[in-house]
């Protein structure tokens, strides 16, 4: 089944989301992954769901379904973004924003489900 999907995407000159993750992750450094992991965790802590009745953040790490250990590598980090609903085929904006924050503007051209044409 996956092979049929890959063949269809290839016919239209597109990548699957997970293939896009593999391409981007292969170019992330360990420090990029560490900073992105930190930013991801801070973004989750900053949400309204983590505030007490006085509006103060608890400062504690999120618990439950969204709480996970730090990713070991870039691919695991990107898959975690997908699991948390922050990145999907219809919206790659969060991933682009995170790459801008770690000044990896060189990777922005890779954040597209369309395959680059020869010479691009």
PDB file of N, CA and C in Angstrom:
ATOM      1  N   UNK A   1       0.819  -1.184   0.000  1.00  0.00           N
ATOM      2  CA  UNK A   1       0.000   0.000   0.000  1.00  0.00           C
ATOM      3  C   UNK A   1       0.872   1.260   0.000  1.00  0.00           C
ATOM      4  N   UNK A   2       1.895   1.306   0.887  1.00  0.00           N
ATOM      5  CA  UNK A   2       2.757   2.488   0.939  1.00  0.00           C
ATOM      6  C   UNK A   2       3.487   2.692  -0.379  1.00  0.00           C
ATOM      7  N   UNK A   3       3.830   1.585  -1.030  1.00  0.00           N
ATOM      8  CA  UNK A   3       4.539   1.681  -2.294  1.00  0.00           C
ATOM      9  C   UNK A   3       3.658   2.373  -3.330  1.00  0.00           C
ATOM     10  N   UNK A   4       2.363   2.072  -3.341  1.00  0.00           N
ATOM     11  CA  UNK A   4       1.449   2.724  -4.277  1.00  0.00           C
ATOM     12  C   UNK A   4       1.384   4.229  -4.005  1.00  0.00           C
ATOM     13  N   UNK A   5       1.332   4.600  -2.738  1.00  0.00           N
ATOM     14  CA  UNK A   5       1.293   6.022  -2.389  1.00  0.00           C
ATOM     15  C   UNK A   5       2.586   6.715  -2.822  1.00  0.00           C
ATOM     16  N   UNK A   6       3.719   6.086  -2.550  1.00  0.00           N
ATOM     17  CA  UNK A   6       5.007   6.663  -2.949  1.00  0.00           C
ATOM     18  C   UNK A   6       5.102   6.816  -4.460  1.00  0.00           C
ATOM     19  N   UNK A   7       4.615   5.807  -5.191  1.00  0.00           N
ATOM     20  CA  UNK A   7       4.632   5.889  -6.653  1.00  0.00           C
ATOM     21  C   UNK A   7       3.748   7.031  -7.155  1.00  0.00           C
ATOM     22  N   UNK A   8       2.605   7.203  -6.549  1.00  0.00           N
ATOM     23  CA  UNK A   8       1.692   8.286  -6.928  1.00  0.00           C
ATOM     24  C   UNK A   8       2.329   9.642  -6.640  1.00  0.00           C
ATOM     25  N   UNK A   9       2.891   9.810  -5.457  1.00  0.00           N
ATOM     26  CA  UNK A   9       3.553  11.069  -5.114  1.00  0.00           C
ATOM     27  C   UNK A   9       4.719  11.337  -6.050  1.00  0.00           C
ATOM     28  N   UNK A  10       5.478  10.300  -6.375  1.00  0.00           N
ATOM     29  CA  UNK A  10       6.605  10.443  -7.283  1.00  0.00           C
ATOM     30  C   UNK A  10       6.133  10.885  -8.663  1.00  0.00           C
ATOM     31  N   UNK A  11       5.030  10.327  -9.132  1.00  0.00           N
ATOM     32  CA  UNK A  11       4.472  10.696 -10.435  1.00  0.00           C
ATOM     33  C   UNK A  11       4.171  12.191 -10.493  1.00  0.00           C
ATOM     34  N   UNK A  12       3.643  12.733  -9.420  1.00  0.00           N
ATOM     35  CA  UNK A  12       3.296  14.158  -9.374  1.00  0.00           C
ATOM     36  C   UNK A  12       4.451  15.038  -8.896  1.00  0.00           C
ATOM     37  N   UNK A  13       5.622  14.445  -8.710  1.00  0.00           N
ATOM     38  CA  UNK A  13       6.793  15.221  -8.295  1.00  0.00           C
ATOM     39  C   UNK A  13       6.709  15.714  -6.867  1.00  0.00           C
ATOM     40  N   UNK A  14       6.163  14.884  -5.985  1.00  0.00           N
ATOM     41  CA  UNK A  14       5.990  15.281  -4.589  1.00  0.00           C
ATOM     42  C   UNK A  14       6.676  14.295  -3.663  1.00  0.00           C
ATOM     43  N   UNK A  15       6.876  14.736  -2.432  1.00  0.00           N
ATOM     44  CA  UNK A  15       7.437  13.912  -1.362  1.00  0.00           C
ATOM     45  C   UNK A  15       6.363  13.640  -0.326  1.00  0.00           C
ATOM     46  N   UNK A  16       6.473  12.524   0.364  1.00  0.00           N
ATOM     47  CA  UNK A  16       5.608  12.302   1.518  1.00  0.00           C
ATOM     48  C   UNK A  16       6.141  13.153   2.669  1.00  0.00           C
ATOM     49  N   UNK A  17       5.308  13.396   3.646  1.00  0.00           N
ATOM     50  CA  UNK A  17       5.727  14.184   4.806  1.00  0.00           C
ATOM     51  C   UNK A  17       6.909  13.524   5.505  1.00  0.00           C
ATOM     52  N   UNK A  18       6.865  12.220   5.643  1.00  0.00           N
ATOM     53  CA  UNK A  18       7.953  11.539   6.351  1.00  0.00           C
ATOM     54  C   UNK A  18       9.245  11.561   5.546  1.00  0.00           C
ATOM     55  N   UNK A  19       9.156  11.524   4.235  1.00  0.00           N
ATOM     56  CA  UNK A  19      10.370  11.650   3.411  1.00  0.00           C
ATOM     57  C   UNK A  19      10.933  13.061   3.556  1.00  0.00           C
ATOM     58  N   UNK A  20      10.067  14.067   3.600  1.00  0.00           N
ATOM     59  CA  UNK A  20      10.500  15.443   3.845  1.00  0.00           C
ATOM     60  C   UNK A  20      11.225  15.529   5.184  1.00  0.00           C
ATOM     61  N   UNK A  21      10.675  14.880   6.216  1.00  0.00           N
ATOM     62  CA  UNK A  21      11.323  14.859   7.525  1.00  0.00           C
ATOM     63  C   UNK A  21      12.717  14.247   7.437  1.00  0.00           C
ATOM     64  N   UNK A  22      12.855  13.162   6.690  1.00  0.00           N
ATOM     65  CA  UNK A  22      14.161  12.515   6.549  1.00  0.00           C
ATOM     66  C   UNK A  22      15.174  13.453   5.901  1.00  0.00           C
ATOM     67  N   UNK A  23      14.747  14.178   4.872  1.00  0.00           N
ATOM     68  CA  UNK A  23      15.638  15.100   4.166  1.00  0.00           C
ATOM     69  C   UNK A  23      16.087  16.223   5.097  1.00  0.00           C
ATOM     70  N   UNK A  24      15.152  16.837   5.813  1.00  0.00           N
ATOM     71  CA  UNK A  24      15.484  17.945   6.708  1.00  0.00           C
ATOM     72  C   UNK A  24      16.305  17.447   7.893  1.00  0.00           C
ATOM     73  N   UNK A  25      15.897  16.339   8.490  1.00  0.00           N
ATOM     74  CA  UNK A  25      16.588  15.809   9.676  1.00  0.00           C
ATOM     75  C   UNK A  25      18.043  15.465   9.384  1.00  0.00           C
ATOM     76  N   UNK A  26      18.309  14.989   8.191  1.00  0.00           N
ATOM     77  CA  UNK A  26      19.676  14.618   7.833  1.00  0.00           C
ATOM     78  C   UNK A  26      20.613  15.828   7.837  1.00  0.00           C
ATOM     79  N   UNK A  27      20.043  17.016   7.767  1.00  0.00           N
ATOM     80  CA  UNK A  27      20.853  18.229   7.705  1.00  0.00           C
ATOM     81  C   UNK A  27      20.872  19.015   9.011  1.00  0.00           C
ATOM     82  N   UNK A  28      20.148  18.550  10.026  1.00  0.00           N
ATOM     83  CA  UNK A  28      20.148  19.218  11.322  1.00  0.00           C
ATOM     84  C   UNK A  28      21.354  18.757  12.142  1.00  0.00           C
ATOM     85  N   UNK A  29      21.992  19.695  12.799  1.00  0.00           N
ATOM     86  CA  UNK A  29      23.104  19.363  13.678  1.00  0.00           C
ATOM     87  C   UNK A  29      22.562  18.965  15.054  1.00  0.00           C
ATOM     88  N   UNK A  30      23.365  18.307  15.878  1.00  0.00           N
ATOM     89  CA  UNK A  30      22.916  17.995  17.235  1.00  0.00           C
ATOM     90  C   UNK A  30      22.521  19.248  18.018  1.00  0.00           C
ATOM     91  N   UNK A  31      23.239  20.374  17.801  1.00  0.00           N
ATOM     92  CA  UNK A  31      22.830  21.588  18.505  1.00  0.00           C
ATOM     93  C   UNK A  31      21.526  22.139  17.997  1.00  0.00           C
ATOM     94  N   UNK A  32      21.260  22.001  16.685  1.00  0.00           N
ATOM     95  CA  UNK A  32      19.950  22.405  16.143  1.00  0.00           C
ATOM     96  C   UNK A  32      18.845  21.613  16.830  1.00  0.00           C
ATOM     97  N   UNK A  33      19.053  20.306  16.953  1.00  0.00           N
ATOM     98  CA  UNK A  33      18.044  19.440  17.562  1.00  0.00           C
ATOM     99  C   UNK A  33      17.832  19.812  19.026  1.00  0.00           C
ATOM    100  N   UNK A  34      18.910  20.103  19.740  1.00  0.00           N
ATOM    101  CA  UNK A  34      18.787  20.477  21.152  1.00  0.00           C
ATOM    102  C   UNK A  34      17.992  21.770  21.303  1.00  0.00           C
ATOM    103  N   UNK A  35      18.291  22.767  20.476  1.00  0.00           N
ATOM    104  CA  UNK A  35      17.573  24.049  20.560  1.00  0.00           C
ATOM    105  C   UNK A  35      16.117  23.872  20.144  1.00  0.00           C
ATOM    106  N   UNK A  36      15.871  23.124  19.079  1.00  0.00           N
ATOM    107  CA  UNK A  36      14.500  22.897  18.627  1.00  0.00           C
ATOM    108  C   UNK A  36      13.693  22.134  19.675  1.00  0.00           C
ATOM    109  N   UNK A  37      14.312  21.165  20.333  1.00  0.00           N
ATOM    110  CA  UNK A  37      13.629  20.424  21.404  1.00  0.00           C
ATOM    111  C   UNK A  37      13.247  21.355  22.537  1.00  0.00           C
ATOM    112  N   UNK A  38      14.171  22.231  22.910  1.00  0.00           N
ATOM    113  CA  UNK A  38      13.905  23.201  23.969  1.00  0.00           C
ATOM    114  C   UNK A  38      12.750  24.127  23.573  1.00  0.00           C
ATOM    115  N   UNK A  39      12.799  24.653  22.355  1.00  0.00           N
ATOM    116  CA  UNK A  39      11.745  25.556  21.883  1.00  0.00           C
ATOM    117  C   UNK A  39      10.388  24.864  21.850  1.00  0.00           C
ATOM    118  N   UNK A  40      10.388  23.622  21.426  1.00  0.00           N
ATOM    119  CA  UNK A  40       9.139  22.861  21.380  1.00  0.00           C
ATOM    120  C   UNK A  40       8.552  22.690  22.776  1.00  0.00           C
ATOM    121  N   UNK A  41       9.387  22.329  23.731  1.00  0.00           N
ATOM    122  CA  UNK A  41       8.908  22.163  25.105  1.00  0.00           C
ATOM    123  C   UNK A  41       8.452  23.489  25.704  1.00  0.00           C
ATOM    124  N   UNK A  42       9.178  24.567  25.430  1.00  0.00           N
ATOM    125  CA  UNK A  42       8.779  25.880  25.946  1.00  0.00           C
ATOM    126  C   UNK A  42       7.458  26.341  25.340  1.00  0.00           C
ATOM    127  N   UNK A  43       7.251  26.057  24.061  1.00  0.00           N
ATOM    128  CA  UNK A  43       5.997  26.437  23.409  1.00  0.00           C
ATOM    129  C   UNK A  43       4.819  25.728  24.072  1.00  0.00           C
ATOM    130  N   UNK A  44       5.010  24.478  24.439  1.00  0.00           N
ATOM    131  CA  UNK A  44       3.935  23.744  25.106  1.00  0.00           C
ATOM    132  C   UNK A  44       3.691  24.258  26.513  1.00  0.00           C
ATOM    133  N   UNK A  45       4.745  24.647  27.213  1.00  0.00           N
ATOM    134  CA  UNK A  45       4.593  25.186  28.571  1.00  0.00           C
ATOM    135  C   UNK A  45       3.903  26.533  28.562  1.00  0.00           C
ATOM    136  N   UNK A  46       4.066  27.285  27.487  1.00  0.00           N
ATOM    137  CA  UNK A  46       3.499  28.628  27.414  1.00  0.00           C
ATOM    138  C   UNK A  46       2.015  28.657  27.138  1.00  0.00           C
ATOM    139  N   UNK A  47       1.417  27.499  26.865  1.00  0.00           N
ATOM    140  CA  UNK A  47      -0.013  27.452  26.552  1.00  0.00           C
ATOM    141  C   UNK A  47      -0.867  27.702  27.779  1.00  0.00           C
ATOM    142  N   UNK A  48      -2.109  28.073  27.573  1.00  0.00           N
ATOM    143  CA  UNK A  48      -3.034  28.367  28.663  1.00  0.00           C
ATOM    144  C   UNK A  48      -3.334  27.142  29.518  1.00  0.00           C
ATOM    145  N   UNK A  49      -3.200  25.952  28.957  1.00  0.00           N
ATOM    146  CA  UNK A  49      -3.509  24.740  29.702  1.00  0.00           C
ATOM    147  C   UNK A  49      -2.574  24.487  30.857  1.00  0.00           C
ATOM    148  N   UNK A  50      -1.441  25.187  30.931  1.00  0.00           N
ATOM    149  CA  UNK A  50      -0.455  24.944  31.970  1.00  0.00           C
ATOM    150  C   UNK A  50      -0.482  26.039  33.036  1.00  0.00           C
ATOM    151  N   UNK A  51      -1.488  26.907  33.021  1.00  0.00           N
ATOM    152  CA  UNK A  51      -1.544  28.011  33.985  1.00  0.00           C
ATOM    153  C   UNK A  51      -2.471  27.656  35.136  1.00  0.00           C
ATOM    154  N   UNK A  52      -2.098  28.147  36.320  1.00  0.00           N
ATOM    155  CA  UNK A  52      -2.956  27.902  37.464  1.00  0.00           C
ATOM    156  C   UNK A  52      -4.048  28.972  37.534  1.00  0.00           C
ATOM    157  N   UNK A  53      -4.848  28.990  38.615  1.00  0.00           N
ATOM    158  CA  UNK A  53      -5.996  29.896  38.699  1.00  0.00           C
ATOM    159  C   UNK A  53      -5.596  31.365  38.727  1.00  0.00           C
ATOM    160  N   UNK A  54      -4.376  31.709  39.130  1.00  0.00           N
ATOM    161  CA  UNK A  54      -3.916  33.094  39.150  1.00  0.00           C
ATOM    162  C   UNK A  54      -3.325  33.523  37.807  1.00  0.00           C
ATOM    163  N   UNK A  55      -3.322  32.617  36.825  1.00  0.00           N
ATOM    164  CA  UNK A  55      -2.773  32.938  35.517  1.00  0.00           C
ATOM    165  C   UNK A  55      -1.275  32.745  35.443  1.00  0.00           C
ATOM    166  N   UNK A  56      -0.692  32.197  36.490  1.00  0.00           N
ATOM    167  CA  UNK A  56       0.749  31.967  36.508  1.00  0.00           C
ATOM    168  C   UNK A  56       1.059  30.592  35.944  1.00  0.00           C
ATOM    169  N   UNK A  57       2.122  30.502  35.186  1.00  0.00           N
ATOM    170  CA  UNK A  57       2.578  29.204  34.684  1.00  0.00           C
ATOM    171  C   UNK A  57       3.156  28.403  35.826  1.00  0.00           C
ATOM    172  N   UNK A  58       2.951  27.118  35.807  1.00  0.00           N
ATOM    173  CA  UNK A  58       3.450  26.280  36.893  1.00  0.00           C
ATOM    174  C   UNK A  58       4.953  26.052  36.790  1.00  0.00           C
ATOM    175  N   UNK A  59       5.500  26.215  35.569  1.00  0.00           N
ATOM    176  CA  UNK A  59       6.919  25.980  35.387  1.00  0.00           C
ATOM    177  C   UNK A  59       7.264  24.507  35.273  1.00  0.00           C
ATOM    178  N   UNK A  60       6.282  23.658  35.530  1.00  0.00           N
ATOM    179  CA  UNK A  60       6.531  22.221  35.446  1.00  0.00           C
ATOM    180  C   UNK A  60       6.396  21.755  34.001  1.00  0.00           C
ATOM    181  N   UNK A  61       7.092  20.704  33.693  1.00  0.00           N
ATOM    182  CA  UNK A  61       6.989  20.128  32.353  1.00  0.00           C
ATOM    183  C   UNK A  61       5.593  19.564  32.157  1.00  0.00           C
ATOM    184  N   UNK A  62       5.081  19.616  30.941  1.00  0.00           N
ATOM    185  CA  UNK A  62       3.749  19.069  30.699  1.00  0.00           C
ATOM    186  C   UNK A  62       3.721  17.572  30.972  1.00  0.00           C
ATOM    187  N   UNK A  63       2.596  17.098  31.441  1.00  0.00           N
ATOM    188  CA  UNK A  63       2.447  15.685  31.766  1.00  0.00           C
ATOM    189  C   UNK A  63       1.371  15.077  30.882  1.00  0.00           C
ATOM    190  N   UNK A  64       1.332  13.761  30.872  1.00  0.00           N
ATOM    191  CA  UNK A  64       0.291  13.071  30.123  1.00  0.00           C
ATOM    192  C   UNK A  64       0.719  12.771  28.703  1.00  0.00           C
ATOM    193  N   UNK A  65      -0.260  12.747  27.803  1.00  0.00           N
ATOM    194  CA  UNK A  65      -0.030  12.327  26.428  1.00  0.00           C
ATOM    195  C   UNK A  65       1.007  13.177  25.713  1.00  0.00           C
ATOM    196  N   UNK A  66       1.040  14.503  25.952  1.00  0.00           N
ATOM    197  CA  UNK A  66       1.967  15.382  25.256  1.00  0.00           C
ATOM    198  C   UNK A  66       3.377  15.357  25.811  1.00  0.00           C
ATOM    199  N   UNK A  67       3.559  14.826  27.013  1.00  0.00           N
ATOM    200  CA  UNK A  67       4.893  14.829  27.629  1.00  0.00           C
ATOM    201  C   UNK A  67       5.705  13.650  27.109  1.00  0.00           C
ATOM    202  N   UNK A  68       6.859  13.959  26.598  1.00  0.00           N
ATOM    203  CA  UNK A  68       7.742  12.926  26.072  1.00  0.00           C
ATOM    204  C   UNK A  68       9.165  13.306  26.422  1.00  0.00           C
ATOM    205  N   UNK A  69      10.049  12.347  26.336  1.00  0.00           N
ATOM    206  CA  UNK A  69      11.462  12.637  26.572  1.00  0.00           C
ATOM    207  C   UNK A  69      12.008  13.413  25.383  1.00  0.00           C
ATOM    208  N   UNK A  70      13.161  14.025  25.568  1.00  0.00           N
ATOM    209  CA  UNK A  70      13.773  14.780  24.480  1.00  0.00           C
ATOM    210  C   UNK A  70      14.135  13.853  23.326  1.00  0.00           C
ATOM    211  N   UNK A  71      13.856  14.290  22.108  1.00  0.00           N
ATOM    212  CA  UNK A  71      14.238  13.477  20.953  1.00  0.00           C
ATOM    213  C   UNK A  71      15.751  13.300  20.887  1.00  0.00           C
ATOM    214  N   UNK A  72      16.180  12.140  20.392  1.00  0.00           N
ATOM    215  CA  UNK A  72      17.605  11.853  20.279  1.00  0.00           C
ATOM    216  C   UNK A  72      18.192  12.393  18.992  1.00  0.00           C
ATOM    217  N   UNK A  73      17.382  12.524  17.963  1.00  0.00           N
ATOM    218  CA  UNK A  73      17.906  12.992  16.691  1.00  0.00           C
ATOM    219  C   UNK A  73      16.859  13.842  15.967  1.00  0.00           C
ATOM    220  N   UNK A  74      17.266  14.385  14.831  1.00  0.00           N
ATOM    221  CA  UNK A  74      16.393  15.289  14.094  1.00  0.00           C
ATOM    222  C   UNK A  74      15.118  14.635  13.609  1.00  0.00           C
ATOM    223  N   UNK A  75      15.215  13.418  13.126  1.00  0.00           N
ATOM    224  CA  UNK A  75      14.017  12.734  12.622  1.00  0.00           C
ATOM    225  C   UNK A  75      13.011  12.507  13.742  1.00  0.00           C
ATOM    226  N   UNK A  76      13.506  12.080  14.885  1.00  0.00           N
ATOM    227  CA  UNK A  76      12.610  11.858  16.027  1.00  0.00           C
ATOM    228  C   UNK A  76      11.943  13.171  16.451  1.00  0.00           C
ATOM    229  N   UNK A  77      12.685  14.271  16.406  1.00  0.00           N
ATOM    230  CA  UNK A  77      12.124  15.581  16.737  1.00  0.00           C
ATOM    231  C   UNK A  77      10.998  15.948  15.769  1.00  0.00           C
ATOM    232  N   UNK A  78      11.224  15.762  14.484  1.00  0.00           N
ATOM    233  CA  UNK A  78      10.214  16.113  13.489  1.00  0.00           C
ATOM    234  C   UNK A  78       8.985  15.215  13.606  1.00  0.00           C
ATOM    235  N   UNK A  79       9.198  13.945  13.899  1.00  0.00           N
ATOM    236  CA  UNK A  79       8.063  13.054  14.117  1.00  0.00           C
ATOM    237  C   UNK A  79       7.280  13.456  15.369  1.00  0.00           C
ATOM    238  N   UNK A  80       7.991  13.962  16.365  1.00  0.00           N
ATOM    239  CA  UNK A  80       7.330  14.459  17.576  1.00  0.00           C
ATOM    240  C   UNK A  80       6.468  15.686  17.254  1.00  0.00           C
ATOM    241  N   UNK A  81       6.961  16.558  16.380  1.00  0.00           N
ATOM    242  CA  UNK A  81       6.146  17.699  15.933  1.00  0.00           C
ATOM    243  C   UNK A  81       4.841  17.211  15.317  1.00  0.00           C
ATOM    244  N   UNK A  82       4.948  16.184  14.500  1.00  0.00           N
ATOM    245  CA  UNK A  82       3.747  15.627  13.866  1.00  0.00           C
ATOM    246  C   UNK A  82       2.818  15.018  14.914  1.00  0.00           C
ATOM    247  N   UNK A  83       3.370  14.251  15.852  1.00  0.00           N
ATOM    248  CA  UNK A  83       2.548  13.619  16.898  1.00  0.00           C
ATOM    249  C   UNK A  83       1.796  14.653  17.717  1.00  0.00           C
ATOM    250  N   UNK A  84       2.430  15.784  17.950  1.00  0.00           N
ATOM    251  CA  UNK A  84       1.801  16.838  18.753  1.00  0.00           C
ATOM    252  C   UNK A  84       0.846  17.700  17.927  1.00  0.00           C
ATOM    253  N   UNK A  85       0.709  17.392  16.648  1.00  0.00           N
ATOM    254  CA  UNK A  85      -0.225  18.125  15.800  1.00  0.00           C
ATOM    255  C   UNK A  85       0.298  19.475  15.344  1.00  0.00           C
ATOM    256  N   UNK A  86       1.603  19.700  15.453  1.00  0.00           N
ATOM    257  CA  UNK A  86       2.187  20.987  15.092  1.00  0.00           C
ATOM    258  C   UNK A  86       2.699  21.026  13.659  1.00  0.00           C
ATOM    259  N   UNK A  87       2.694  19.897  12.983  1.00  0.00           N
ATOM    260  CA  UNK A  87       3.182  19.840  11.611  1.00  0.00           C
ATOM    261  C   UNK A  87       2.449  18.711  10.899  1.00  0.00           C
ATOM    262  N   UNK A  88       1.861  19.025   9.763  1.00  0.00           N
ATOM    263  CA  UNK A  88       1.206  17.996   8.957  1.00  0.00           C
ATOM    264  C   UNK A  88       1.253  18.421   7.501  1.00  0.00           C
ATOM    265  N   UNK A  89       0.822  17.537   6.618  1.00  0.00           N
ATOM    266  CA  UNK A  89       0.944  17.797   5.184  1.00  0.00           C
ATOM    267  C   UNK A  89       0.258  19.087   4.762  1.00  0.00           C
ATOM    268  N   UNK A  90      -0.789  19.476   5.449  1.00  0.00           N
ATOM    269  CA  UNK A  90      -1.515  20.688   5.090  1.00  0.00           C
ATOM    270  C   UNK A  90      -0.949  21.961   5.695  1.00  0.00           C
ATOM    271  N   UNK A  91      -0.021  21.832   6.646  1.00  0.00           N
ATOM    272  CA  UNK A  91       0.527  23.014   7.311  1.00  0.00           C
ATOM    273  C   UNK A  91       1.955  22.755   7.771  1.00  0.00           C
ATOM    274  N   UNK A  92       2.901  23.299   7.015  1.00  0.00           N
ATOM    275  CA  UNK A  92       4.319  23.167   7.357  1.00  0.00           C
ATOM    276  C   UNK A  92       4.857  24.454   7.986  1.00  0.00           C
ATOM    277  N   UNK A  93       3.971  25.390   8.289  1.00  0.00           N
ATOM    278  CA  UNK A  93       4.373  26.693   8.814  1.00  0.00           C
ATOM    279  C   UNK A  93       5.138  26.632  10.118  1.00  0.00           C
ATOM    280  N   UNK A  94       4.716  25.771  11.029  1.00  0.00           N
ATOM    281  CA  UNK A  94       5.400  25.662  12.329  1.00  0.00           C
ATOM    282  C   UNK A  94       6.840  25.192  12.139  1.00  0.00           C
ATOM    283  N   UNK A  95       7.031  24.236  11.239  1.00  0.00           N
ATOM    284  CA  UNK A  95       8.384  23.747  10.955  1.00  0.00           C
ATOM    285  C   UNK A  95       9.235  24.862  10.354  1.00  0.00           C
ATOM    286  N   UNK A  96       8.679  25.619   9.427  1.00  0.00           N
ATOM    287  CA  UNK A  96       9.416  26.749   8.842  1.00  0.00           C
ATOM    288  C   UNK A  96       9.790  27.770   9.913  1.00  0.00           C
ATOM    289  N   UNK A  97       8.849  28.062  10.800  1.00  0.00           N
ATOM    290  CA  UNK A  97       9.112  29.036  11.867  1.00  0.00           C
ATOM    291  C   UNK A  97      10.234  28.553  12.788  1.00  0.00           C
ATOM    292  N   UNK A  98      10.220  27.285  13.142  1.00  0.00           N
ATOM    293  CA  UNK A  98      11.275  26.748  14.005  1.00  0.00           C
ATOM    294  C   UNK A  98      12.640  26.811  13.321  1.00  0.00           C
ATOM    295  N   UNK A  99      12.688  26.517  12.030  1.00  0.00           N
ATOM    296  CA  UNK A  99      13.960  26.595  11.308  1.00  0.00           C
ATOM    297  C   UNK A  99      14.472  28.031  11.239  1.00  0.00           C
ATOM    298  N   UNK A 100      13.556  28.984  11.115  1.00  0.00           N
ATOM    299  CA  UNK A 100      13.977  30.394  11.130  1.00  0.00           C
ATOM    300  C   UNK A 100      14.544  30.777  12.489  1.00  0.00           C
ATOM    301  N   UNK A 101      13.926  30.282  13.560  1.00  0.00           N
ATOM    302  CA  UNK A 101      14.388  30.610  14.912  1.00  0.00           C
ATOM    303  C   UNK A 101      15.799  30.110  15.184  1.00  0.00           C
ATOM    304  N   UNK A 102      16.165  28.983  14.598  1.00  0.00           N
ATOM    305  CA  UNK A 102      17.525  28.462  14.793  1.00  0.00           C
ATOM    306  C   UNK A 102      18.434  28.876  13.635  1.00  0.00           C
ATOM    307  N   UNK A 103      17.992  29.869  12.890  1.00  0.00           N
ATOM    308  CA  UNK A 103      18.725  30.444  11.736  1.00  0.00           C
ATOM    309  C   UNK A 103      19.208  29.390  10.747  1.00  0.00           C
ATOM    310  N   UNK A 104      18.350  28.436  10.448  1.00  0.00           N
ATOM    311  CA  UNK A 104      18.633  27.444   9.419  1.00  0.00           C
ATOM    312  C   UNK A 104      17.819  27.786   8.176  1.00  0.00           C
ATOM    313  N   UNK A 105      17.999  29.022   7.702  1.00  0.00           N
ATOM    314  CA  UNK A 105      17.290  29.495   6.516  1.00  0.00           C
ATOM    315  C   UNK A 105      17.626  28.654   5.292  1.00  0.00           C
ATOM    316  N   UNK A 106      18.813  28.035   5.294  1.00  0.00           N
ATOM    317  CA  UNK A 106      19.218  27.181   4.179  1.00  0.00           C
ATOM    318  C   UNK A 106      18.295  25.978   4.017  1.00  0.00           C
ATOM    319  N   UNK A 107      17.614  25.575   5.082  1.00  0.00           N
ATOM    320  CA  UNK A 107      16.729  24.418   5.010  1.00  0.00           C
ATOM    321  C   UNK A 107      15.297  24.781   4.616  1.00  0.00           C
ATOM    322  N   UNK A 108      14.979  26.065   4.596  1.00  0.00           N
ATOM    323  CA  UNK A 108      13.612  26.471   4.274  1.00  0.00           C
ATOM    324  C   UNK A 108      13.189  25.999   2.885  1.00  0.00           C
ATOM    325  N   UNK A 109      14.136  25.988   1.952  1.00  0.00           N
ATOM    326  CA  UNK A 109      13.797  25.542   0.594  1.00  0.00           C
ATOM    327  C   UNK A 109      13.422  24.067   0.569  1.00  0.00           C
ATOM    328  N   UNK A 110      13.863  23.311   1.562  1.00  0.00           N
ATOM    329  CA  UNK A 110      13.550  21.877   1.637  1.00  0.00           C
ATOM    330  C   UNK A 110      12.163  21.618   2.214  1.00  0.00           C
ATOM    331  N   UNK A 111      11.583  22.607   2.875  1.00  0.00           N
ATOM    332  CA  UNK A 111      10.307  22.411   3.564  1.00  0.00           C
ATOM    333  C   UNK A 111       9.157  22.641   2.577  1.00  0.00           C
ATOM    334  N   UNK A 112       9.024  21.693   1.702  1.00  0.00           N
ATOM    335  CA  UNK A 112       7.968  21.691   0.703  1.00  0.00           C
ATOM    336  C   UNK A 112       7.724  20.249   0.305  1.00  0.00           C
ATOM    337  N   UNK A 113       6.482  19.917   0.045  1.00  0.00           N
ATOM    338  CA  UNK A 113       6.185  18.556  -0.374  1.00  0.00           C
ATOM    339  C   UNK A 113       6.454  18.372  -1.867  1.00  0.00           C
ATOM    340  N   UNK A 114       6.758  19.464  -2.563  1.00  0.00           N
ATOM    341  CA  UNK A 114       7.099  19.364  -3.978  1.00  0.00           C
ATOM    342  C   UNK A 114       8.581  19.068  -4.107  1.00  0.00           C
ATOM    343  N   UNK A 115       8.915  18.179  -5.010  1.00  0.00           N
ATOM    344  CA  UNK A 115      10.320  17.863  -5.257  1.00  0.00           C
ATOM    345  C   UNK A 115      10.968  19.029  -5.986  1.00  0.00           C
ATOM    346  N   UNK A 116      12.214  19.362  -5.632  1.00  0.00           N
ATOM    347  CA  UNK A 116      12.884  20.436  -6.380  1.00  0.00           C
ATOM    348  C   UNK A 116      13.151  19.995  -7.812  1.00  0.00           C
ATOM    349  N   UNK A 117      12.993  20.919  -8.725  1.00  0.00           N
ATOM    350  CA  UNK A 117      13.283  20.637 -10.130  1.00  0.00           C
ATOM    351  C   UNK A 117      14.779  20.707 -10.345  1.00  0.00           C
ATOM    352  N   UNK A 118      15.278  19.984 -11.344  1.00  0.00           N
ATOM    353  CA  UNK A 118      16.722  20.060 -11.615  1.00  0.00           C
ATOM    354  C   UNK A 118      17.162  21.509 -11.858  1.00  0.00           C
ATOM    355  N   UNK A 119      18.260  21.873 -11.233  1.00  0.00           N
ATOM    356  CA  UNK A 119      18.785  23.229 -11.374  1.00  0.00           C
ATOM    357  C   UNK A 119      18.297  24.190 -10.325  1.00  0.00           C
ATOM    358  N   UNK A 120      17.381  23.757  -9.439  1.00  0.00           N
ATOM    359  CA  UNK A 120      16.890  24.655  -8.374  1.00  0.00           C
ATOM    360  C   UNK A 120      17.781  24.554  -7.167  1.00  0.00           C
TER     361      UNK A 120
END
